[in-house]
C-alpha atoms as a PDB file:
ATOM      1  CA  MET A   1      89.304  95.827  63.274  1.00  0.00           C
ATOM      2  CA  ILE A   2      88.143  98.821  61.077  1.00  0.00           C
ATOM      3  CA  VAL A   3      89.271  99.963  57.817  1.00  0.00           C
ATOM      4  CA  ILE A   4      89.522 103.721  57.698  1.00  0.00           C
ATOM      5  CA  THR A   5      89.385 105.544  54.207  1.00  0.00           C
ATOM      6  CA  VAL A   6      91.634 108.511  53.953  1.00  0.00           C
ATOM      7  CA  PRO A   7      90.565 110.452  50.757  1.00  0.00           C
ATOM      8  CA  SER A   8      93.051 112.285  48.356  1.00  0.00           C
ATOM      9  CA  SER A   9      94.081 115.651  49.603  1.00  0.00           C
ATOM     10  CA  ASP A  10      95.895 118.562  48.015  1.00  0.00           C
ATOM     11  CA  SER A  11      97.074 119.741  51.304  1.00  0.00           C
ATOM     12  CA  ASN A  12      99.645 118.040  53.387  1.00  0.00           C
ATOM     13  CA  SER A  13      97.262 117.762  56.294  1.00  0.00           C
ATOM     14  CA  LEU A  14      93.783 116.174  56.852  1.00  0.00           C
ATOM     15  CA  ASP A  15      91.516 115.496  59.489  1.00  0.00           C
ATOM     16  CA  VAL A  16      89.300 112.251  59.335  1.00  0.00           C
ATOM     17  CA  GLN A  17      86.678 111.489  61.713  1.00  0.00           C
ATOM     18  CA  LEU A  18      86.876 107.896  63.031  1.00  0.00           C
ATOM     19  CA  PRO A  19      83.303 106.206  63.931  1.00  0.00           C
ATOM     20  CA  HIS A  20      83.806 106.181  67.652  1.00  0.00           C
ATOM     21  CA  ALA A  21      86.358 107.013  70.413  1.00  0.00           C
ATOM     22  CA  ASN A  22      88.508 104.468  72.216  1.00  0.00           C
ATOM     23  CA  LEU A  23      90.300 103.369  68.872  1.00  0.00           C
ATOM     24  CA  LYS A  24      93.970 103.005  67.847  1.00  0.00           C
ATOM     25  CA  VAL A  25      95.161 103.362  64.402  1.00  0.00           C
ATOM     26  CA  ASP A  26      97.907 101.246  62.878  1.00  0.00           C
ATOM     27  CA  PRO A  27     100.341 103.784  61.254  1.00  0.00           C
ATOM     28  CA  ARG A  28     101.176 101.535  58.402  1.00  0.00           C
ATOM     29  CA  HIS A  29      99.002 102.621  55.485  1.00  0.00           C
ATOM     30  CA  MET A  30      97.395 100.378  52.837  1.00  0.00           C
ATOM     31  CA  GLY A  31      97.112 101.624  49.342  1.00  0.00           C
ATOM     32  CA  ASN A  32      99.038 103.126  46.539  1.00  0.00           C
ATOM     33  CA  HIS A  33     101.164 105.398  48.821  1.00  0.00           C
ATOM     34  CA  MET A  34     103.569 103.025  50.284  1.00  0.00           C
ATOM     35  CA  GLY A  35     106.562 105.252  49.474  1.00  0.00           C
ATOM     36  CA  HIS A  36     104.920 108.229  51.259  1.00  0.00           C
ATOM     37  CA  ARG A  37     105.620 109.200  55.007  1.00  0.00           C
ATOM     38  CA  PHE A  38     102.749 110.187  57.121  1.00  0.00           C
ATOM     39  CA  ARG A  39     102.428 111.443  60.942  1.00  0.00           C
ATOM     40  CA  LEU A  40      99.420 110.319  62.483  1.00  0.00           C
ATOM     41  CA  SER A  41      97.834 112.286  65.640  1.00  0.00           C
ATOM     42  CA  LEU A  42      94.651 111.165  67.514  1.00  0.00           C
ATOM     43  CA  LYS A  43      92.461 113.343  69.638  1.00  0.00           C
ATOM     44  CA  GLY A  44      89.175 111.751  70.588  1.00  0.00           C
ATOM     45  CA  ARG A  45      87.502 110.618  67.276  1.00  0.00           C
ATOM     46  CA  THR A  46      89.588 113.269  65.114  1.00  0.00           C
ATOM     47  CA  LEU A  47      92.434 111.614  63.250  1.00  0.00           C
ATOM     48  CA  THR A  48      94.967 114.073  61.823  1.00  0.00           C
ATOM     49  CA  ILE A  49      97.092 112.686  58.920  1.00  0.00           C
ATOM     50  CA  THR A  50     100.169 114.737  57.975  1.00  0.00           C
ATOM     51  CA  ARG A  51     102.602 114.042  55.248  1.00  0.00           C
ATOM     52  CA  ILE A  52     106.105 114.627  56.434  1.00  0.00           C
ATOM     53  CA  ASP A  53     108.360 113.587  53.316  1.00  0.00           C
ATOM     54  CA  GLU A  54     107.614 116.272  51.083  1.00  0.00           C
ATOM     55  CA  ASP A  55     104.933 118.763  50.052  1.00  0.00           C
ATOM     56  CA  GLY A  56     102.074 118.200  47.433  1.00  0.00           C
ATOM     57  CA  GLY A  57      99.522 116.108  49.471  1.00  0.00           C
ATOM     58  CA  TRP A  58      98.442 112.900  48.058  1.00  0.00           C
ATOM     59  CA  ARG A  59      96.887 112.107  44.823  1.00  0.00           C
ATOM     60  CA  LEU A  60      94.872 108.809  45.578  1.00  0.00           C
ATOM     61  CA  ASP A  61      92.896 107.507  48.487  1.00  0.00           C
ATOM     62  CA  PHE A  62      94.508 105.086  50.971  1.00  0.00           C
ATOM     63  CA  TYR A  63      93.374 103.247  53.855  1.00  0.00           C
ATOM     64  CA  LEU A  64      94.326 102.688  57.723  1.00  0.00           C
ATOM     65  CA  ARG A  65      93.433  99.933  60.095  1.00  0.00           C
ATOM     66  CA  ALA A  66      91.822 100.953  63.385  1.00  0.00           C
ATOM     67  CA  TYR A  67      91.513  98.570  66.436  1.00  0.00           C
ATOM     68  CA  LEU A  68      89.937  98.819  69.811  1.00  0.00           C
ATOM     69  CA  LEU A  69      92.202  99.633  72.518  1.00  0.00           C
ATOM     70  CA  THR A  70      92.166  96.020  73.805  1.00  0.00           C
ATOM     71  CA  ASP A  71      92.979  94.656  70.432  1.00  0.00           C
ATOM     72  CA  THR A  72      96.579  93.563  69.224  1.00  0.00           C
ATOM     73  CA  ILE A  73      97.748  95.189  66.040  1.00  0.00           C
ATOM     74  CA  ARG A  74      99.199  92.458  63.734  1.00  0.00           C
ATOM     75  CA  ASP A  75     102.727  92.794  62.894  1.00  0.00           C
ATOM     76  CA  PHE A  76     104.516  92.769  59.475  1.00  0.00           C
ATOM     77  CA  THR A  77     107.820  93.927  57.865  1.00  0.00           C
ATOM     78  CA  SER A  78     107.938  95.664  54.764  1.00  0.00           C
ATOM     79  CA  THR A  79     109.461  92.517  52.812  1.00  0.00           C
ATOM     80  CA  VAL A  80     107.646  89.466  54.737  1.00  0.00           C
ATOM     81  CA  TYR A  81     103.868  90.443  54.422  1.00  0.00           C
ATOM     82  CA  THR A  82     100.998  88.598  56.099  1.00  0.00           C
ATOM     83  CA  TYR A  83      97.950  89.147  53.820  1.00  0.00           C
ATOM     84  CA  TRP A  84      94.538  89.350  56.010  1.00  0.00           C
ATOM     85  CA  GLY A  85      92.364  89.423  52.927  1.00  0.00           C
ATOM     86  CA  LEU A  86      90.906  92.894  54.146  1.00  0.00           C
ATOM     87  CA  GLU A  87      89.297  95.163  51.907  1.00  0.00           C
ATOM     88  CA  TYR A  88      91.368  97.797  50.278  1.00  0.00           C
ATOM     89  CA  GLU A  89      94.456  95.623  51.515  1.00  0.00           C
ATOM     90  CA  PHE A  90      97.522  96.196  49.230  1.00  0.00           C
ATOM     91  CA  ALA A  91     100.953  94.551  49.972  1.00  0.00           C
ATOM     92  CA  PRO A  92     104.060  96.779  50.087  1.00  0.00           C
ATOM     93  CA  ARG A  93     105.664  97.048  46.517  1.00  0.00           C
ATOM     94  CA  ASP A  94     108.920  95.672  48.077  1.00  0.00           C
ATOM     95  CA  THR A  95     107.296  92.493  49.644  1.00  0.00           C
ATOM     96  CA  THR A  96     109.499  89.668  48.914  1.00  0.00           C
ATOM     97  CA  LYS A  97     107.424  86.877  50.646  1.00  0.00           C
ATOM     98  CA  VAL A  98     103.697  86.323  51.419  1.00  0.00           C
ATOM     99  CA  ILE A  99     102.197  84.788  54.343  1.00  0.00           C
ATOM    100  CA  PHE A 100      98.340  83.968  53.998  1.00  0.00           C
ATOM    101  CA  ALA A 101      96.142  84.345  57.247  1.00  0.00           C
ATOM    102  CA  PRO A 102      94.294  81.123  57.756  1.00  0.00           C
ATOM    103  CA  SER A 103      90.979  83.187  57.202  1.00  0.00           C
ATOM    104  CA  VAL A 104      91.581  84.291  53.974  1.00  0.00           C
ATOM    105  CA  THR A 105      89.567  82.672  51.116  1.00  0.00           C
ATOM    106  CA  THR A 106      89.657  85.411  48.343  1.00  0.00           C
ATOM    107  CA  ILE A 107      92.795  87.404  47.256  1.00  0.00           C
ATOM    108  CA  ASN A 108      91.120  90.656  46.477  1.00  0.00           C
ATOM    109  CA  GLU A 109      91.432  93.011  43.677  1.00  0.00           C
ATOM    110  CA  MET A 110      94.925  94.814  43.240  1.00  0.00           C
ATOM    111  CA  ALA A 111      96.121  93.084  46.510  1.00  0.00           C
ATOM    112  CA  PHE A 112      99.808  92.377  45.006  1.00  0.00           C
ATOM    113  CA  ILE A 113      99.962  94.723  42.130  1.00  0.00           C
ATOM    114  CA  GLY A 114     103.213  96.083  41.373  1.00  0.00           C
ATOM    115  CA  CYS A 115     105.048  93.800  43.740  1.00  0.00           C
ATOM    116  CA  ASP A 116     108.041  93.619  41.473  1.00  0.00           C
ATOM    117  CA  SER A 117     110.184  91.858  44.386  1.00  0.00           C
ATOM    118  CA  LEU A 118     107.956  88.638  44.534  1.00  0.00           C
ATOM    119  CA  VAL A 119     109.691  85.710  43.021  1.00  0.00           C
ATOM    120  CA  ARG A 120     107.628  82.856  44.605  1.00  0.00           C
ATOM    121  CA  VAL A 121     104.261  82.522  45.693  1.00  0.00           C
ATOM    122  CA  LYS A 122     102.518  79.424  47.449  1.00  0.00           C
ATOM    123  CA  ILE A 123      98.620  80.042  47.749  1.00  0.00           C
ATOM    124  CA  PRO A 124      97.189  77.899  50.488  1.00  0.00           C
ATOM    125  CA  GLY A 125      94.097  75.345  50.039  1.00  0.00           C
ATOM    126  CA  THR A 126      91.838  77.694  51.808  1.00  0.00           C
ATOM    127  CA  ILE A 127      91.844  80.130  48.756  1.00  0.00           C
ATOM    128  CA  THR A 128      89.085  79.470  46.187  1.00  0.00           C
ATOM    129  CA  GLU A 129      88.959  82.819  44.211  1.00  0.00           C
ATOM    130  CA  ILE A 130      91.676  85.354  43.037  1.00  0.00           C
ATOM    131  CA  GLU A 131      90.205  88.610  41.791  1.00  0.00           C
ATOM    132  CA  GLU A 132      91.019  90.955  38.902  1.00  0.00           C
ATOM    133  CA  TYR A 133      94.282  92.507  38.841  1.00  0.00           C
ATOM    134  CA  ALA A 134      95.405  90.672  41.932  1.00  0.00           C
ATOM    135  CA  VAL A 135      98.807  89.979  40.977  1.00  0.00           C
ATOM    136  CA  ASP A 136      99.286  92.335  37.995  1.00  0.00           C
ATOM    137  CA  CYS A 137     102.598  93.569  37.046  1.00  0.00           C
ATOM    138  CA  CYS A 138     104.653  91.335  39.528  1.00  0.00           C
ATOM    139  CA  ASP A 139     107.608  91.562  37.136  1.00  0.00           C
ATOM    140  CA  SER A 140     109.908  89.163  39.038  1.00  0.00           C
ATOM    141  CA  LEU A 141     107.163  86.447  39.801  1.00  0.00           C
ATOM    142  CA  ARG A 142     108.630  83.156  38.461  1.00  0.00           C
ATOM    143  CA  PHE A 143     106.968  80.323  40.322  1.00  0.00           C
ATOM    144  CA  ILE A 144     103.459  80.272  41.799  1.00  0.00           C
ATOM    145  CA  GLN A 145     101.840  77.139  43.540  1.00  0.00           C
ATOM    146  CA  LEU A 146      98.224  77.617  43.188  1.00  0.00           C
ATOM    147  CA  SER A 147      95.503  76.657  45.683  1.00  0.00           C
ATOM    148  CA  ALA A 148      94.422  72.948  45.506  1.00  0.00           C
ATOM    149  CA  ASN A 149      90.787  74.178  45.899  1.00  0.00           C
ATOM    150  CA  LEU A 150      91.074  77.357  43.330  1.00  0.00           C
ATOM    151  CA  GLU A 151      88.008  77.762  41.476  1.00  0.00           C
ATOM    152  CA  PHE A 152      88.158  81.467  40.137  1.00  0.00           C
ATOM    153  CA  ILE A 153      90.596  83.616  38.522  1.00  0.00           C
ATOM    154  CA  GLY A 154      89.481  87.070  37.581  1.00  0.00           C
ATOM    155  CA  GLU A 155      90.271  89.381  34.497  1.00  0.00           C
ATOM    156  CA  GLU A 156      94.135  90.493  34.191  1.00  0.00           C
ATOM    157  CA  ALA A 157      94.738  88.732  37.691  1.00  0.00           C
ATOM    158  CA  PHE A 158      98.246  87.864  36.552  1.00  0.00           C
ATOM    159  CA  CYS A 159      98.360  90.486  33.577  1.00  0.00           C
ATOM    160  CA  HIS A 160     102.221  91.608  32.884  1.00  0.00           C
ATOM    161  CA  CYS A 161     104.099  89.011  35.050  1.00  0.00           C
ATOM    162  CA  LYS A 162     106.655  88.906  32.659  1.00  0.00           C
ATOM    163  CA  SER A 163     108.761  86.229  34.639  1.00  0.00           C
ATOM    164  CA  LEU A 164     105.992  83.677  35.342  1.00  0.00           C
ATOM    165  CA  GLU A 165     107.068  80.517  33.590  1.00  0.00           C
ATOM    166  CA  ALA A 166     104.369  77.781  34.394  1.00  0.00           C
ATOM    167  CA  VAL A 167     100.672  77.574  35.878  1.00  0.00           C
ATOM    168  CA  PHE A 168      99.305  74.515  37.218  1.00  0.00           C
ATOM    169  CA  LEU A 169      95.572  74.677  37.616  1.00  0.00           C
ATOM    170  CA  PRO A 170      93.456  72.287  39.907  1.00  0.00           C
ATOM    171  CA  PRO A 171      90.685  70.253  38.847  1.00  0.00           C
ATOM    172  CA  THR A 172      88.267  72.264  41.102  1.00  0.00           C
ATOM    173  CA  PHE A 173      88.816  75.220  38.588  1.00  0.00           C
ATOM    174  CA  THR A 174      86.021  76.608  36.636  1.00  0.00           C
ATOM    175  CA  HIS A 175      86.646  80.302  35.654  1.00  0.00           C
ATOM    176  CA  ILE A 176      89.243  82.214  34.181  1.00  0.00           C
ATOM    177  CA  GLY A 177      88.584  85.830  33.232  1.00  0.00           C
ATOM    178  CA  SER A 178      89.795  87.722  30.102  1.00  0.00           C
ATOM    179  CA  CYS A 179      93.361  88.700  29.861  1.00  0.00           C
ATOM    180  CA  ALA A 180      94.172  86.835  33.028  1.00  0.00           C
ATOM    181  CA  PHE A 181      97.720  85.961  31.755  1.00  0.00           C
ATOM    182  CA  TYR A 182      97.941  88.801  29.279  1.00  0.00           C
ATOM    183  CA  ASN A 183     101.622  89.609  28.317  1.00  0.00           C
ATOM    184  CA  CYS A 184     103.135  86.989  30.512  1.00  0.00           C
ATOM    185  CA  GLU A 185     105.897  86.600  27.978  1.00  0.00           C
ATOM    186  CA  SER A 186     107.941  83.847  29.746  1.00  0.00           C
ATOM    187  CA  LEU A 187     104.839  81.635  30.188  1.00  0.00           C
ATOM    188  CA  LYS A 188     105.552  78.328  28.602  1.00  0.00           C
ATOM    189  CA  PHE A 189     103.223  75.814  30.306  1.00  0.00           C
ATOM    190  CA  CYS A 190      99.692  75.786  31.133  1.00  0.00           C
ATOM    191  CA  ILE A 191      96.737  73.332  30.760  1.00  0.00           C
ATOM    192  CA  LEU A 192      93.007  74.314  31.190  1.00  0.00           C
ATOM    193  CA  PRO A 193      91.311  71.503  33.060  1.00  0.00           C
ATOM    194  CA  GLY A 194      87.980  69.988  31.593  1.00  0.00           C
ATOM    195  CA  THR A 195      86.095  71.206  34.586  1.00  0.00           C
ATOM    196  CA  ILE A 196      86.406  74.817  33.360  1.00  0.00           C
ATOM    197  CA  ASP A 197      82.978  76.377  32.262  1.00  0.00           C
ATOM    198  CA  HIS A 198      83.920  79.888  31.487  1.00  0.00           C
ATOM    199  CA  VAL A 199      86.962  81.140  29.485  1.00  0.00           C
ATOM    200  CA  GLY A 200      87.399  84.887  28.810  1.00  0.00           C
ATOM    201  CA  HIS A 201      88.996  86.312  25.642  1.00  0.00           C
ATOM    202  CA  SER A 202      92.819  87.001  25.065  1.00  0.00           C
ATOM    203  CA  VAL A 203      93.608  84.872  28.361  1.00  0.00           C
ATOM    204  CA  PHE A 204      96.959  84.059  26.901  1.00  0.00           C
ATOM    205  CA  TYR A 205      97.421  86.930  24.335  1.00  0.00           C
ATOM    206  CA  GLY A 206     100.879  88.175  24.392  1.00  0.00           C
ATOM    207  CA  CYS A 207     102.342  84.966  25.939  1.00  0.00           C
ATOM    208  CA  ASP A 208     104.778  84.293  22.894  1.00  0.00           C
ATOM    209  CA  ARG A 209     106.661  81.578  24.356  1.00  0.00           C
ATOM    210  CA  LEU A 210     103.549  79.561  25.530  1.00  0.00           C
ATOM    211  CA  LEU A 211     103.698  76.013  23.919  1.00  0.00           C
ATOM    212  CA  THR A 212     100.708  76.162  21.663  1.00  0.00           C
ATOM    213  CA  THR A 213      99.794  75.399  17.999  1.00  0.00           C
ATOM    214  CA  VAL A 214      97.890  78.612  17.361  1.00  0.00           C
ATOM    215  CA  ASN A 215      98.135  82.087  18.183  1.00  0.00           C
ATOM    216  CA  TYR A 216      95.843  84.736  19.128  1.00  0.00           C
ATOM    217  CA  LYS A 217      95.095  87.322  16.349  1.00  0.00           C
ATOM    218  CA  PHE A 218      92.856  90.371  16.324  1.00  0.00           C
ATOM    219  CA  ASP A 219      90.322  91.868  13.737  1.00  0.00           C
ATOM    220  CA  TYR A 220      89.809  95.573  14.336  1.00  0.00           C
ATOM    221  CA  GLU A 221      86.298  96.884  13.854  1.00  0.00           C
ATOM    222  CA  ASP A 222      88.034  99.950  11.959  1.00  0.00           C
ATOM    223  CA  GLU A 223      91.637 100.025  11.501  1.00  0.00           C
ATOM    224  CA  GLU A 224      91.419 103.619  10.044  1.00  0.00           C
ATOM    225  CA  ASP A 225      90.483 104.848  13.546  1.00  0.00           C
ATOM    226  CA  TYR A 226      93.298 103.326  15.049  1.00  0.00           C
ATOM    227  CA  ASP A 227      95.737 105.850  16.564  1.00  0.00           C
ATOM    228  CA  ASP A 228      99.284 104.793  17.779  1.00  0.00           C
ATOM    229  CA  ASP A 229      99.174 107.509  20.162  1.00  0.00           C
ATOM    230  CA  ASP A 230      95.913 106.521  21.691  1.00  0.00           C
ATOM    231  CA  ASP A 231      96.221 105.542  25.552  1.00  0.00           C
ATOM    232  CA  TYR A 232      93.414 103.054  25.186  1.00  0.00           C
ATOM    233  CA  PHE A 233      93.274  99.817  23.397  1.00  0.00           C
ATOM    234  CA  PRO A 234      91.781 100.042  20.079  1.00  0.00           C
ATOM    235  CA  PRO A 235      88.299  98.638  19.516  1.00  0.00           C
ATOM    236  CA  TYR A 236      88.225  94.919  18.501  1.00  0.00           C
ATOM    237  CA  ASP A 237      86.167  92.014  17.658  1.00  0.00           C
ATOM    238  CA  GLU A 238      86.569  88.819  19.608  1.00  0.00           C
ATOM    239  CA  PRO A 239      89.900  87.024  18.584  1.00  0.00           C
ATOM    240  CA  ILE A 240      89.191  85.170  15.526  1.00  0.00           C
ATOM    241  CA  ASN A 241      90.732  81.856  16.834  1.00  0.00           C
ATOM    242  CA  ASN A 242      90.231  82.424  20.379  1.00  0.00           C
ATOM    243  CA  ASP A 243      87.892  79.242  20.680  1.00  0.00           C
ATOM    244  CA  GLU A 244      90.755  77.225  18.980  1.00  0.00           C
ATOM    245  CA  VAL A 245      93.386  78.282  21.571  1.00  0.00           C
ATOM    246  CA  ASN A 246      90.998  77.454  24.746  1.00  0.00           C
ATOM    247  CA  GLU A 247      90.156  74.090  22.971  1.00  0.00           C
ATOM    248  CA  TRP A 248      93.803  73.140  22.592  1.00  0.00           C
ATOM    249  CA  MET A 249      94.756  74.287  26.007  1.00  0.00           C
ATOM    250  CA  MET A 250      91.920  71.879  27.431  1.00  0.00           C
ATOM    251  CA  GLU A 251      92.833  69.041  25.085  1.00  0.00           C
ATOM    252  CA  ARG A 252      96.256  69.143  24.536  1.00  0.00           C
ATOM    253  CA  TYR A 253      96.989  65.880  26.167  1.00  0.00           C
ATOM    254  CA  ALA A 254      93.818  64.170  25.621  1.00  0.00           C
ATOM    255  CA  ASN A 255      96.054  61.397  23.858  1.00  0.00           C
ATOM    256  CA  LEU A 256      98.879  61.433  26.400  1.00  0.00           C
ATOM    257  CA  PRO A 257      97.326  60.333  29.688  1.00  0.00           C
ATOM    258  CA  PHE A 258     100.596  60.273  31.444  1.00  0.00           C
ATOM    259  CA  HIS A 259     101.520  63.725  30.504  1.00  0.00           C
ATOM    260  CA  GLN A 260      98.095  64.892  31.753  1.00  0.00           C
ATOM    261  CA  ALA A 261      98.339  62.886  35.127  1.00  0.00           C
ATOM    262  CA  CYS A 262     101.868  64.581  35.752  1.00  0.00           C
ATOM    263  CA  SER A 263     100.310  68.236  35.240  1.00  0.00           C
ATOM    264  CA  SER A 264      97.958  67.386  37.933  1.00  0.00           C
ATOM    265  CA  ILE A 265      98.436  68.956  41.298  1.00  0.00           C
ATOM    266  CA  SER A 266      97.313  65.982  42.922  1.00  0.00           C
ATOM    267  CA  ILE A 267      99.961  63.777  41.244  1.00  0.00           C
ATOM    268  CA  THR A 268     101.352  60.794  43.546  1.00  0.00           C
ATOM    269  CA  PRO A 269     103.963  58.276  43.233  1.00  0.00           C
ATOM    270  CA  GLN A 270     101.426  55.538  42.928  1.00  0.00           C
ATOM    271  CA  VAL A 271     100.036  57.329  39.703  1.00  0.00           C
ATOM    272  CA  ILE A 272     103.432  57.522  38.299  1.00  0.00           C
ATOM    273  CA  VAL A 273     104.211  53.777  39.001  1.00  0.00           C
ATOM    274  CA  HIS A 274     100.926  53.022  37.187  1.00  0.00           C
ATOM    275  CA  GLY A 275     101.885  54.857  34.086  1.00  0.00           C
ATOM    276  CA  ILE A 276     105.760  54.596  33.945  1.00  0.00           C
ATOM    277  CA  GLU A 277     105.568  52.485  30.776  1.00  0.00           C
ATOM    278  CA  ARG A 278     104.962  55.608  29.027  1.00  0.00           C
ATOM    279  CA  ALA A 279     107.694  57.453  30.673  1.00  0.00           C
ATOM    280  CA  THR A 280     109.680  58.218  27.518  1.00  0.00           C
ATOM    281  CA  GLU A 281     106.642  59.182  25.298  1.00  0.00           C
ATOM    282  CA  VAL A 282     107.158  62.760  24.058  1.00  0.00           C
ATOM    283  CA  ASP A 283     104.616  65.337  23.004  1.00  0.00           C
ATOM    284  CA  GLU A 284     104.873  67.717  19.918  1.00  0.00           C
ATOM    285  CA  TYR A 285     107.412  69.816  21.737  1.00  0.00           C
ATOM    286  CA  ARG A 286     109.535  66.784  22.785  1.00  0.00           C
ATOM    287  CA  MET A 287     108.458  67.106  26.262  1.00  0.00           C
ATOM    288  CA  THR A 288     108.296  63.951  28.198  1.00  0.00           C
ATOM    289  CA  ALA A 289     106.138  63.659  31.368  1.00  0.00           C
ATOM    290  CA  LEU A 290     109.351  63.951  33.397  1.00  0.00           C
ATOM    291  CA  HIS A 291     109.653  67.627  32.103  1.00  0.00           C
ATOM    292  CA  ILE A 292     105.948  68.575  33.167  1.00  0.00           C
ATOM    293  CA  LEU A 293     106.649  66.835  36.583  1.00  0.00           C
ATOM    294  CA  CYS A 294     109.443  68.784  37.209  1.00  0.00           C
ATOM    295  CA  ALA A 295     107.987  72.117  36.544  1.00  0.00           C
ATOM    296  CA  ASN A 296     104.984  71.327  38.702  1.00  0.00           C
ATOM    297  CA  PRO A 297     105.310  72.874  42.007  1.00  0.00           C
ATOM    298  CA  HIS A 298     102.892  70.625  43.583  1.00  0.00           C
ATOM    299  CA  VAL A 299     105.052  67.711  43.004  1.00  0.00           C
ATOM    300  CA  THR A 300     106.898  65.838  45.988  1.00  0.00           C
ATOM    301  CA  SER A 301     110.382  64.504  45.809  1.00  0.00           C
ATOM    302  CA  ASP A 302     108.838  61.113  46.177  1.00  0.00           C
ATOM    303  CA  CYS A 303     107.174  61.557  42.715  1.00  0.00           C
ATOM    304  CA  ILE A 304     110.386  62.507  41.075  1.00  0.00           C
ATOM    305  CA  ARG A 305     112.309  59.569  42.785  1.00  0.00           C
ATOM    306  CA  ALA A 306     109.784  57.221  41.713  1.00  0.00           C
ATOM    307  CA  TYR A 307     110.001  58.046  38.047  1.00  0.00           C
ATOM    308  CA  LEU A 308     113.690  58.045  37.890  1.00  0.00           C
ATOM    309  CA  GLN A 309     114.166  54.669  39.671  1.00  0.00           C
ATOM    310  CA  LEU A 310     111.844  52.973  37.348  1.00  0.00           C
ATOM    311  CA  ALA A 311     112.878  54.863  34.103  1.00  0.00           C
ATOM    312  CA  PRO A 312     116.075  56.494  34.427  1.00  0.00           C
ATOM    313  CA  GLU A 313     116.414  56.832  30.733  1.00  0.00           C
ATOM    314  CA  ALA A 314     113.750  59.623  30.919  1.00  0.00           C
ATOM    315  CA  ALA A 315     116.414  61.977  32.228  1.00  0.00           C
ATOM    316  CA  GLU A 316     118.163  61.675  29.076  1.00  0.00           C
ATOM    317  CA  CYS A 317     115.135  63.206  26.707  1.00  0.00           C
ATOM    318  CA  GLN A 318     115.733  66.580  25.767  1.00  0.00           C
ATOM    319  CA  ASP A 319     112.783  68.838  25.041  1.00  0.00           C
ATOM    320  CA  PHE A 320     112.444  71.343  22.236  1.00  0.00           C
ATOM    321  CA  GLU A 321     115.121  73.557  23.540  1.00  0.00           C
END
């Protein structure tokens, strides 16, 4: 499989030279023009791309996949999308379900940007990295089950996912980029594991519902230079209490080991049985470990069953809401 770059064009027709003959081209394009319609015509090595829905060319580059004549072109529909981890591969905006190919180890930059019909995503254990802007502006995304082997989340990877409610990071996790969850306004719950060695600035800035005792604040270098009409974010120093936020996120359950255990993606019924004597213990937001357990997408029904069988009274404990 070869990725073919189609450059931007002011014209509705453009010729692109393929690297060699004896190729066939998948007509379903990858990039930022999923709403445009094109006709493809191939003669020898010359691929002619013609936009047929309206005039005006196309403003941005996009990409096509070319295969040998003996290869099978992989299938996908507009709403159920198989992600192959290809360079410049961007899922269609109306994707509602994602299937990850077994070979994928990295979710590339902007892979699912703007997929605002996605509600739930399960990332398999083969994936260790999520690059910057990978899941940016997925407005409807509420539930995400991260890979059990995830190590890296890049800058603004989940920025503006306004419906995302909880994130459970694995113990393998070491790096979270700046603004990774910027403006995830519904996000309530996240714990940074002690294995982490890099936390960027403003990771949770704008997450106004996040259960935290401290908030991000900014000191601007020169407030007189700030213009409300500016298209860029004004210059700022590091958030004055950024370190406090990060420390709190990593240590919030240091004194509540059962809460900590139930936030783990590797929680088992055996762990629950071992710590059940603390079943009704609450944190500062009146959350029991059962509240956390029920939000954890990695939890099995056996875990919930074990908890309720041994401590049914925990179901009557109300949280801060």
